[in-house]
Amino acid sequence: MEVNDVLVLVLIVAALGLTGVAAWASVEVARTARSVRQITDQLDGKFPPLIDKADASLDLLNAEMMRIDGIVSQVEEVSDRMNTTSETVNDVVRAPLAFIVGFADRVRRAREQRAD
């Protein structure tokens, strides 16, 4: 056998080995693709109900937040009214007291002037 015949034989054996490896890799890729397809089919069955539940939960949370916002707005309105009322009561109570203090001061000055 010549060197060329030996090299051809080695190349043929290497090509057969590479063909076998390529066939094995193709089978593994097909198995992996089938497994991925099964997993995605299972997830397709599970995720839409979860997404629907999450959507419903977010809608409920949004409704509760709007309700809380309404309550906070009402509390702010009541607080503003209480502030206005307390200022009015303060003014009403302070006016006669200011008058009485002024009157008492004038009486005191008048007494002091008479005493002099």
N, C-alpha and C. Protein backbone atom coordinates (compact mmCIF):
# COMPACT_ATOMS: atom_id res chain seq x y z
N MET A 1 0.84 -1.17 0.00
CA MET A 1 0.00 0.00 0.00
C MET A 1 0.88 1.23 0.00
N GLU A 2 0.40 2.13 -0.78
CA GLU A 2 1.15 3.36 -0.89
C GLU A 2 0.67 4.36 0.15
N VAL A 3 1.42 5.43 0.25
CA VAL A 3 1.10 6.47 1.23
C VAL A 3 -0.24 7.12 0.88
N ASN A 4 -0.50 7.32 -0.39
CA ASN A 4 -1.76 7.94 -0.81
C ASN A 4 -2.94 7.04 -0.42
N ASP A 5 -2.79 5.76 -0.57
CA ASP A 5 -3.87 4.83 -0.22
C ASP A 5 -4.13 4.88 1.29
N VAL A 6 -3.06 4.97 2.05
CA VAL A 6 -3.21 5.03 3.51
C VAL A 6 -3.89 6.34 3.91
N LEU A 7 -3.49 7.43 3.29
CA LEU A 7 -4.11 8.73 3.61
C LEU A 7 -5.58 8.75 3.22
N VAL A 8 -5.92 8.17 2.09
CA VAL A 8 -7.32 8.09 1.68
C VAL A 8 -8.10 7.26 2.68
N LEU A 9 -7.52 6.16 3.13
CA LEU A 9 -8.19 5.30 4.09
C LEU A 9 -8.39 6.04 5.42
N VAL A 10 -7.39 6.79 5.86
CA VAL A 10 -7.50 7.57 7.10
C VAL A 10 -8.57 8.65 6.94
N LEU A 11 -8.60 9.31 5.80
CA LEU A 11 -9.61 10.34 5.56
C LEU A 11 -11.01 9.74 5.53
N ILE A 12 -11.14 8.54 4.94
CA ILE A 12 -12.46 7.89 4.90
C ILE A 12 -12.89 7.53 6.31
N VAL A 13 -12.01 7.01 7.14
CA VAL A 13 -12.35 6.65 8.53
C VAL A 13 -12.70 7.92 9.31
N ALA A 14 -11.94 8.99 9.11
CA ALA A 14 -12.22 10.26 9.81
C ALA A 14 -13.57 10.82 9.38
N ALA A 15 -13.86 10.73 8.07
CA ALA A 15 -15.14 11.23 7.56
C ALA A 15 -16.29 10.41 8.13
N LEU A 16 -16.11 9.10 8.23
CA LEU A 16 -17.15 8.25 8.83
C LEU A 16 -17.34 8.61 10.31
N GLY A 17 -16.25 8.87 11.00
CA GLY A 17 -16.35 9.26 12.42
C GLY A 17 -17.08 10.59 12.58
N LEU A 18 -16.70 11.53 11.73
CA LEU A 18 -17.36 12.84 11.79
C LEU A 18 -18.83 12.72 11.41
N THR A 19 -19.16 11.87 10.47
CA THR A 19 -20.56 11.65 10.09
C THR A 19 -21.33 11.05 11.27
N GLY A 20 -20.71 10.12 11.97
CA GLY A 20 -21.35 9.53 13.15
C GLY A 20 -21.58 10.56 14.24
N VAL A 21 -20.57 11.41 14.46
CA VAL A 21 -20.70 12.48 15.48
C VAL A 21 -21.80 13.45 15.07
N ALA A 22 -21.86 13.79 13.77
CA ALA A 22 -22.89 14.70 13.28
C ALA A 22 -24.28 14.08 13.43
N ALA A 23 -24.40 12.78 13.17
CA ALA A 23 -25.68 12.09 13.33
C ALA A 23 -26.10 12.08 14.80
N TRP A 24 -25.14 11.79 15.69
CA TRP A 24 -25.44 11.79 17.12
C TRP A 24 -25.87 13.19 17.57
N ALA A 25 -25.16 14.23 17.10
CA ALA A 25 -25.51 15.61 17.47
C ALA A 25 -26.89 15.97 16.94
N SER A 26 -27.22 15.52 15.74
CA SER A 26 -28.56 15.80 15.18
C SER A 26 -29.64 15.15 16.02
N VAL A 27 -29.40 13.91 16.46
CA VAL A 27 -30.38 13.22 17.31
C VAL A 27 -30.54 13.97 18.63
N GLU A 28 -29.46 14.41 19.23
CA GLU A 28 -29.53 15.15 20.50
C GLU A 28 -30.25 16.49 20.32
N VAL A 29 -30.00 17.18 19.23
CA VAL A 29 -30.69 18.45 18.95
C VAL A 29 -32.18 18.20 18.79
N ALA A 30 -32.55 17.12 18.11
CA ALA A 30 -33.96 16.80 17.93
C ALA A 30 -34.61 16.49 19.27
N ARG A 31 -33.91 15.71 20.13
CA ARG A 31 -34.46 15.40 21.47
C ARG A 31 -34.63 16.69 22.29
N THR A 32 -33.63 17.55 22.23
CA THR A 32 -33.69 18.80 22.98
C THR A 32 -34.83 19.68 22.47
N ALA A 33 -34.99 19.75 21.15
CA ALA A 33 -36.08 20.56 20.58
C ALA A 33 -37.44 20.00 21.01
N ARG A 34 -37.56 18.67 21.00
CA ARG A 34 -38.82 18.05 21.43
C ARG A 34 -39.09 18.35 22.91
N SER A 35 -38.04 18.29 23.74
CA SER A 35 -38.19 18.57 25.17
C SER A 35 -38.58 20.04 25.39
N VAL A 36 -37.93 20.94 24.65
CA VAL A 36 -38.27 22.36 24.77
C VAL A 36 -39.71 22.60 24.33
N ARG A 37 -40.14 21.94 23.28
CA ARG A 37 -41.52 22.09 22.81
C ARG A 37 -42.51 21.60 23.87
N GLN A 38 -42.20 20.47 24.53
CA GLN A 38 -43.09 19.97 25.58
C GLN A 38 -43.14 20.94 26.76
N ILE A 39 -42.00 21.48 27.13
CA ILE A 39 -41.97 22.43 28.25
C ILE A 39 -42.77 23.69 27.91
N THR A 40 -42.60 24.20 26.70
CA THR A 40 -43.35 25.40 26.33
C THR A 40 -44.84 25.12 26.24
N ASP A 41 -45.22 23.92 25.81
CA ASP A 41 -46.64 23.57 25.80
C ASP A 41 -47.20 23.53 27.21
N GLN A 42 -46.42 22.98 28.14
CA GLN A 42 -46.87 22.95 29.53
C GLN A 42 -46.98 24.36 30.11
N LEU A 43 -45.99 25.19 29.80
CA LEU A 43 -46.01 26.56 30.32
C LEU A 43 -47.15 27.37 29.70
N ASP A 44 -47.44 27.11 28.42
CA ASP A 44 -48.57 27.80 27.80
C ASP A 44 -49.87 27.48 28.51
N GLY A 45 -49.97 26.28 29.03
CA GLY A 45 -51.17 25.90 29.77
C GLY A 45 -51.22 26.51 31.15
N LYS A 46 -50.06 26.82 31.73
CA LYS A 46 -50.02 27.32 33.11
C LYS A 46 -49.97 28.83 33.20
N PHE A 47 -49.28 29.48 32.27
CA PHE A 47 -49.09 30.93 32.40
C PHE A 47 -50.33 31.77 32.16
N PRO A 48 -51.18 31.49 31.18
CA PRO A 48 -52.36 32.37 31.01
C PRO A 48 -53.24 32.46 32.25
N PRO A 49 -53.51 31.35 32.97
CA PRO A 49 -54.29 31.52 34.21
C PRO A 49 -53.54 32.37 35.24
N LEU A 50 -52.22 32.20 35.31
CA LEU A 50 -51.45 33.01 36.26
C LEU A 50 -51.49 34.48 35.88
N ILE A 51 -51.39 34.74 34.59
CA ILE A 51 -51.44 36.13 34.13
C ILE A 51 -52.82 36.72 34.39
N ASP A 52 -53.87 35.93 34.17
CA ASP A 52 -55.22 36.41 34.44
C ASP A 52 -55.40 36.70 35.92
N LYS A 53 -54.85 35.83 36.78
CA LYS A 53 -54.95 36.06 38.22
C LYS A 53 -54.18 37.31 38.62
N ALA A 54 -52.99 37.48 38.05
CA ALA A 54 -52.20 38.68 38.37
C ALA A 54 -52.92 39.94 37.90
N ASP A 55 -53.55 39.87 36.73
CA ASP A 55 -54.29 41.01 36.21
C ASP A 55 -55.47 41.35 37.12
N ALA A 56 -56.19 40.32 37.56
CA ALA A 56 -57.32 40.55 38.46
C ALA A 56 -56.84 41.12 39.79
N SER A 57 -55.73 40.61 40.29
CA SER A 57 -55.18 41.12 41.56
C SER A 57 -54.77 42.58 41.42
N LEU A 58 -54.16 42.93 40.31
CA LEU A 58 -53.77 44.33 40.10
C LEU A 58 -54.99 45.23 39.98
N ASP A 59 -56.05 44.73 39.34
CA ASP A 59 -57.28 45.53 39.26
C ASP A 59 -57.86 45.77 40.65
N LEU A 60 -57.87 44.72 41.49
CA LEU A 60 -58.37 44.88 42.86
C LEU A 60 -57.50 45.84 43.66
N LEU A 61 -56.19 45.71 43.49
CA LEU A 61 -55.28 46.60 44.19
C LEU A 61 -55.49 48.05 43.75
N ASN A 62 -55.69 48.25 42.47
CA ASN A 62 -55.95 49.59 41.95
C ASN A 62 -57.25 50.16 42.52
N ALA A 63 -58.28 49.32 42.59
CA ALA A 63 -59.56 49.79 43.15
C ALA A 63 -59.39 50.17 44.63
N GLU A 64 -58.63 49.37 45.38
CA GLU A 64 -58.41 49.69 46.79
C GLU A 64 -57.60 50.97 46.95
N MET A 65 -56.61 51.15 46.08
CA MET A 65 -55.82 52.38 46.14
C MET A 65 -56.69 53.60 45.83
N MET A 66 -57.61 53.47 44.90
CA MET A 66 -58.51 54.58 44.59
C MET A 66 -59.43 54.86 45.78
N ARG A 67 -59.87 53.79 46.46
CA ARG A 67 -60.72 53.97 47.63
C ARG A 67 -59.95 54.66 48.75
N ILE A 68 -58.71 54.26 48.96
CA ILE A 68 -57.88 54.88 49.98
C ILE A 68 -57.61 56.34 49.62
N ASP A 69 -57.41 56.62 48.35
CA ASP A 69 -57.22 58.00 47.90
C ASP A 69 -58.44 58.84 48.21
N GLY A 70 -59.63 58.27 48.00
CA GLY A 70 -60.86 58.99 48.33
C GLY A 70 -60.97 59.27 49.82
N ILE A 71 -60.59 58.29 50.64
CA ILE A 71 -60.65 58.47 52.09
C ILE A 71 -59.66 59.55 52.52
N VAL A 72 -58.45 59.52 51.96
CA VAL A 72 -57.45 60.53 52.31
C VAL A 72 -57.93 61.92 51.89
N SER A 73 -58.58 62.02 50.74
CA SER A 73 -59.11 63.31 50.29
C SER A 73 -60.18 63.82 51.24
N GLN A 74 -61.03 62.91 51.71
CA GLN A 74 -62.07 63.31 52.66
C GLN A 74 -61.45 63.77 53.98
N VAL A 75 -60.42 63.07 54.42
CA VAL A 75 -59.74 63.47 55.67
C VAL A 75 -59.11 64.85 55.50
N GLU A 76 -58.54 65.12 54.33
CA GLU A 76 -57.97 66.44 54.08
C GLU A 76 -59.04 67.51 54.11
N GLU A 77 -60.19 67.22 53.53
CA GLU A 77 -61.29 68.20 53.54
C GLU A 77 -61.75 68.46 54.97
N VAL A 78 -61.90 67.39 55.76
CA VAL A 78 -62.33 67.55 57.16
C VAL A 78 -61.29 68.34 57.93
N SER A 79 -60.02 68.06 57.68
CA SER A 79 -58.95 68.79 58.36
C SER A 79 -58.98 70.27 58.01
N ASP A 80 -59.21 70.58 56.75
CA ASP A 80 -59.30 71.99 56.35
C ASP A 80 -60.50 72.67 57.01
N ARG A 81 -61.62 71.97 57.07
CA ARG A 81 -62.80 72.55 57.72
C ARG A 81 -62.58 72.76 59.21
N MET A 82 -61.90 71.79 59.86
CA MET A 82 -61.61 71.92 61.29
C MET A 82 -60.68 73.12 61.52
N ASN A 83 -59.72 73.30 60.65
CA ASN A 83 -58.80 74.43 60.77
C ASN A 83 -59.56 75.75 60.65
N THR A 84 -60.44 75.83 59.64
CA THR A 84 -61.24 77.05 59.45
C THR A 84 -62.14 77.29 60.66
N THR A 85 -62.76 76.23 61.16
CA THR A 85 -63.65 76.36 62.32
C THR A 85 -62.86 76.81 63.55
N SER A 86 -61.69 76.22 63.78
CA SER A 86 -60.91 76.61 64.96
C SER A 86 -60.44 78.06 64.85
N GLU A 87 -60.10 78.51 63.65
CA GLU A 87 -59.72 79.92 63.47
C GLU A 87 -60.90 80.84 63.76
N THR A 88 -62.08 80.45 63.30
CA THR A 88 -63.28 81.26 63.55
C THR A 88 -63.59 81.31 65.04
N VAL A 89 -63.55 80.16 65.72
CA VAL A 89 -63.82 80.12 67.17
C VAL A 89 -62.77 80.95 67.90
N ASN A 90 -61.53 80.84 67.48
CA ASN A 90 -60.46 81.62 68.10
C ASN A 90 -60.74 83.11 67.94
N ASP A 91 -61.14 83.54 66.74
CA ASP A 91 -61.45 84.95 66.52
C ASP A 91 -62.64 85.40 67.35
N VAL A 92 -63.67 84.56 67.45
CA VAL A 92 -64.87 84.91 68.21
C VAL A 92 -64.55 85.02 69.69
N VAL A 93 -63.71 84.12 70.20
CA VAL A 93 -63.37 84.15 71.63
C VAL A 93 -62.39 85.29 71.90
N ARG A 94 -61.50 85.55 71.00
CA ARG A 94 -60.48 86.56 71.22
C ARG A 94 -61.05 87.98 71.16
N ALA A 95 -62.06 88.24 70.36
CA ALA A 95 -62.59 89.59 70.21
C ALA A 95 -63.15 90.13 71.54
N PRO A 96 -64.02 89.41 72.25
CA PRO A 96 -64.50 89.95 73.54
C PRO A 96 -63.38 90.08 74.56
N LEU A 97 -62.43 89.13 74.55
CA LEU A 97 -61.33 89.22 75.50
C LEU A 97 -60.49 90.46 75.22
N ALA A 98 -60.25 90.75 73.96
CA ALA A 98 -59.49 91.95 73.61
C ALA A 98 -60.24 93.19 74.06
N PHE A 99 -61.56 93.16 73.89
CA PHE A 99 -62.37 94.30 74.33
C PHE A 99 -62.28 94.46 75.85
N ILE A 100 -62.39 93.32 76.58
CA ILE A 100 -62.34 93.37 78.05
C ILE A 100 -60.96 93.84 78.52
N VAL A 101 -59.90 93.33 77.90
CA VAL A 101 -58.55 93.74 78.28
C VAL A 101 -58.37 95.23 78.00
N GLY A 102 -58.84 95.70 76.88
CA GLY A 102 -58.75 97.13 76.56
C GLY A 102 -59.54 97.97 77.54
N PHE A 103 -60.76 97.51 77.88
CA PHE A 103 -61.59 98.22 78.84
C PHE A 103 -60.93 98.26 80.21
N ALA A 104 -60.38 97.12 80.64
CA ALA A 104 -59.70 97.07 81.95
C ALA A 104 -58.48 97.98 81.95
N ASP A 105 -57.79 98.06 80.87
CA ASP A 105 -56.61 98.92 80.79
C ASP A 105 -57.02 100.39 80.89
N ARG A 106 -58.12 100.74 80.21
CA ARG A 106 -58.59 102.14 80.31
C ARG A 106 -59.06 102.47 81.72
N VAL A 107 -59.73 101.49 82.37
CA VAL A 107 -60.18 101.73 83.76
C VAL A 107 -58.97 101.89 84.65
N ARG A 108 -57.96 101.08 84.49
CA ARG A 108 -56.75 101.17 85.31
C ARG A 108 -56.07 102.51 85.11
N ARG A 109 -55.96 102.98 83.86
CA ARG A 109 -55.34 104.28 83.60
C ARG A 109 -56.16 105.42 84.21
N ALA A 110 -57.49 105.26 84.09
CA ALA A 110 -58.35 106.30 84.67
C ALA A 110 -58.18 106.35 86.18
N ARG A 111 -58.07 105.21 86.84
CA ARG A 111 -57.85 105.18 88.28
C ARG A 111 -56.50 105.79 88.65
N GLU A 112 -55.52 105.45 87.85
CA GLU A 112 -54.19 106.00 88.13
C GLU A 112 -54.20 107.52 87.97
N GLN A 113 -54.95 108.04 86.99
CA GLN A 113 -55.01 109.49 86.78
C GLN A 113 -55.77 110.15 87.94
N ARG A 114 -56.78 109.51 88.45
CA ARG A 114 -57.52 110.08 89.57
C ARG A 114 -56.69 110.04 90.85
N ALA A 115 -55.90 108.98 90.96
CA ALA A 115 -55.07 108.84 92.16
C ALA A 115 -53.97 109.92 92.17
N ASP A 116 -53.55 110.37 91.03
CA ASP A 116 -52.47 111.38 90.96
C ASP A 116 -52.99 112.71 91.28
